[in-house]
Amino acid sequence: MPKLTNNQLAFLLARITLGINFFLHGFVRIPKLEAFASGLTKGFEGTMLPLALVETIAYAIPFIEVILGVFIIFGIFSKKSFAATAIFIMILISGCAFKEDWGAVGTQMLYALFIFFLLKNLEYEVWAVKKSNE
């Protein structure tokens, strides 16, 4: 097994950490999907967003998190996976901004920076099932 450089090891650990975070966010929500979606939707009452749209997204969030998490953990199409994750975070940030939940927006901005770091350093990707060639 070839020795990993510090940059490769840092990238690998950061990628797996982010992937585990997303995977487990979704995984623990799926068994209580109804309660999760209902609670999230209720939190948007009184905002400009249509509750039917919020509810639809709320039911999808845990599955999106699980799928993104698996792709990130195993390095499957990493560039596209990171881009999809960034778009997902943008959607979450938009929702929280409509709620004026600036604390959550700040937390999600940290995720955005973390994803940016991974995209910026994609050249150090190792141990990926399917490396992005683009």
Protein backbone atom coordinates (compact mmCIF):
# COMPACT_ATOMS: atom_id res chain seq x y z
CA MET A 1 0.00 0.00 0.00
CA PRO A 2 1.50 3.36 -1.00
CA LYS A 3 2.17 5.87 1.74
CA LEU A 4 -0.30 8.75 1.84
CA THR A 5 0.95 12.31 1.81
CA ASN A 6 -0.30 14.63 4.54
CA ASN A 7 -2.61 16.31 2.01
CA GLN A 8 -4.03 12.98 0.86
CA LEU A 9 -4.64 11.82 4.43
CA ALA A 10 -6.25 15.15 5.37
CA PHE A 11 -8.53 14.99 2.32
CA LEU A 12 -9.48 11.36 2.98
CA LEU A 13 -10.33 11.99 6.63
CA ALA A 14 -12.27 15.17 5.81
CA ARG A 15 -14.22 13.42 3.04
CA ILE A 16 -15.15 10.45 5.22
CA THR A 17 -16.06 12.71 8.15
CA LEU A 18 -18.42 14.80 6.02
CA GLY A 19 -19.91 11.66 4.50
CA ILE A 20 -20.57 10.08 7.90
CA ASN A 21 -22.17 13.32 9.08
CA PHE A 22 -24.57 13.44 6.14
CA PHE A 23 -25.28 9.70 6.18
CA LEU A 24 -26.15 9.62 9.87
CA HIS A 25 -28.21 12.83 9.68
CA GLY A 26 -30.49 11.04 7.22
CA PHE A 27 -30.24 7.51 8.62
CA VAL A 28 -31.53 8.44 12.09
CA ARG A 29 -34.40 10.47 10.61
CA ILE A 30 -35.80 7.79 8.31
CA PRO A 31 -37.38 5.64 11.07
CA LYS A 32 -39.19 8.74 12.38
CA LEU A 33 -39.78 10.30 8.96
CA GLU A 34 -43.38 11.37 9.62
CA ALA A 35 -42.48 13.19 12.85
CA PHE A 36 -39.40 14.77 11.25
CA ALA A 37 -41.31 16.05 8.21
CA SER A 38 -44.22 17.25 10.33
CA GLY A 39 -41.96 19.13 12.75
CA LEU A 40 -39.93 20.71 9.97
CA THR A 41 -43.07 21.77 8.10
CA LYS A 42 -44.59 23.25 11.26
CA GLY A 43 -41.45 25.36 11.68
CA PHE A 44 -42.20 27.09 8.37
CA GLU A 45 -45.72 28.19 9.27
CA GLY A 46 -45.96 31.94 8.84
CA THR A 47 -43.15 32.13 6.28
CA MET A 48 -43.56 33.02 2.60
CA LEU A 49 -42.84 29.43 1.54
CA PRO A 50 -45.82 27.24 0.57
CA LEU A 51 -46.20 24.51 3.21
CA ALA A 52 -46.87 21.88 0.52
CA LEU A 53 -43.41 22.59 -0.94
CA VAL A 54 -41.81 22.55 2.50
CA GLU A 55 -43.47 19.23 3.37
CA THR A 56 -42.35 17.63 0.09
CA ILE A 57 -38.76 18.74 0.69
CA ALA A 58 -38.96 17.65 4.34
CA TYR A 59 -39.85 14.08 3.31
CA ALA A 60 -36.97 14.04 0.81
CA ILE A 61 -34.24 15.48 3.07
CA PRO A 62 -33.31 12.29 4.99
CA PHE A 63 -33.03 10.25 1.79
CA ILE A 64 -30.93 12.93 0.10
CA GLU A 65 -28.66 13.02 3.16
CA VAL A 66 -28.20 9.23 3.13
CA ILE A 67 -27.44 9.10 -0.60
CA LEU A 68 -25.01 12.04 -0.49
CA GLY A 69 -23.37 10.56 2.60
CA VAL A 70 -22.76 7.18 0.96
CA PHE A 71 -21.38 8.80 -2.20
CA ILE A 72 -19.05 11.03 -0.19
CA ILE A 73 -17.84 8.28 2.19
CA PHE A 74 -16.87 5.98 -0.66
CA GLY A 75 -15.66 8.68 -3.04
CA ILE A 76 -18.21 7.94 -5.74
CA PHE A 77 -18.09 10.69 -8.40
CA SER A 78 -16.68 13.02 -5.73
CA LYS A 79 -16.71 16.22 -7.77
CA LYS A 80 -20.35 15.77 -8.73
CA SER A 81 -21.23 14.56 -5.23
CA PHE A 82 -19.64 17.61 -3.62
CA ALA A 83 -21.41 19.89 -6.12
CA ALA A 84 -24.75 18.20 -5.37
CA THR A 85 -24.07 18.55 -1.65
CA ALA A 86 -23.28 22.25 -2.09
CA ILE A 87 -26.58 22.75 -3.96
CA PHE A 88 -28.40 20.87 -1.18
CA ILE A 89 -26.80 23.16 1.41
CA MET A 90 -27.86 26.21 -0.66
CA ILE A 91 -31.45 24.96 -0.54
CA LEU A 92 -31.24 24.47 3.23
CA ILE A 93 -29.70 27.93 3.67
CA SER A 94 -32.51 29.44 1.59
CA GLY A 95 -35.13 27.73 3.73
CA CYS A 96 -33.54 28.88 6.96
CA ALA A 97 -33.26 32.42 5.61
CA PHE A 98 -37.01 32.43 4.92
CA LYS A 99 -37.47 31.44 8.59
CA GLU A 100 -34.93 34.07 9.63
CA ASP A 101 -33.04 31.35 11.50
CA TRP A 102 -29.66 33.00 11.18
CA GLY A 103 -27.99 30.61 13.64
CA ALA A 104 -28.82 27.67 11.39
CA VAL A 105 -27.70 29.66 8.34
CA GLY A 106 -24.34 30.23 10.04
CA THR A 107 -23.95 26.52 10.76
CA GLN A 108 -24.83 25.66 7.17
CA MET A 109 -22.27 28.18 5.95
CA LEU A 110 -19.66 26.11 7.80
CA TYR A 111 -20.81 23.07 5.82
CA ALA A 112 -20.50 25.15 2.64
CA LEU A 113 -16.91 26.07 3.55
CA PHE A 114 -16.09 22.44 4.32
CA ILE A 115 -17.46 21.36 0.94
CA PHE A 116 -15.52 24.17 -0.75
CA PHE A 117 -12.34 22.90 0.95
CA LEU A 118 -12.95 19.40 -0.40
CA LEU A 119 -13.70 20.59 -3.94
CA LYS A 120 -10.66 22.87 -3.92
CA ASN A 121 -8.42 19.98 -2.85
CA LEU A 122 -9.95 17.25 -5.00
CA GLU A 123 -6.52 16.57 -6.51
CA TYR A 124 -5.59 14.84 -3.23
CA GLU A 125 -8.41 12.31 -3.44
CA VAL A 126 -7.37 8.74 -2.66
CA TRP A 127 -9.24 5.53 -1.89
CA ALA A 128 -12.22 6.48 -3.99
CA VAL A 129 -14.52 3.92 -5.56
CA LYS A 130 -15.02 6.07 -8.66
CA LYS A 131 -12.78 9.09 -9.02
CA SER A 132 -14.11 12.14 -10.80
CA ASN A 133 -12.12 12.78 -13.96
CA GLU A 134 -13.59 16.22 -14.59
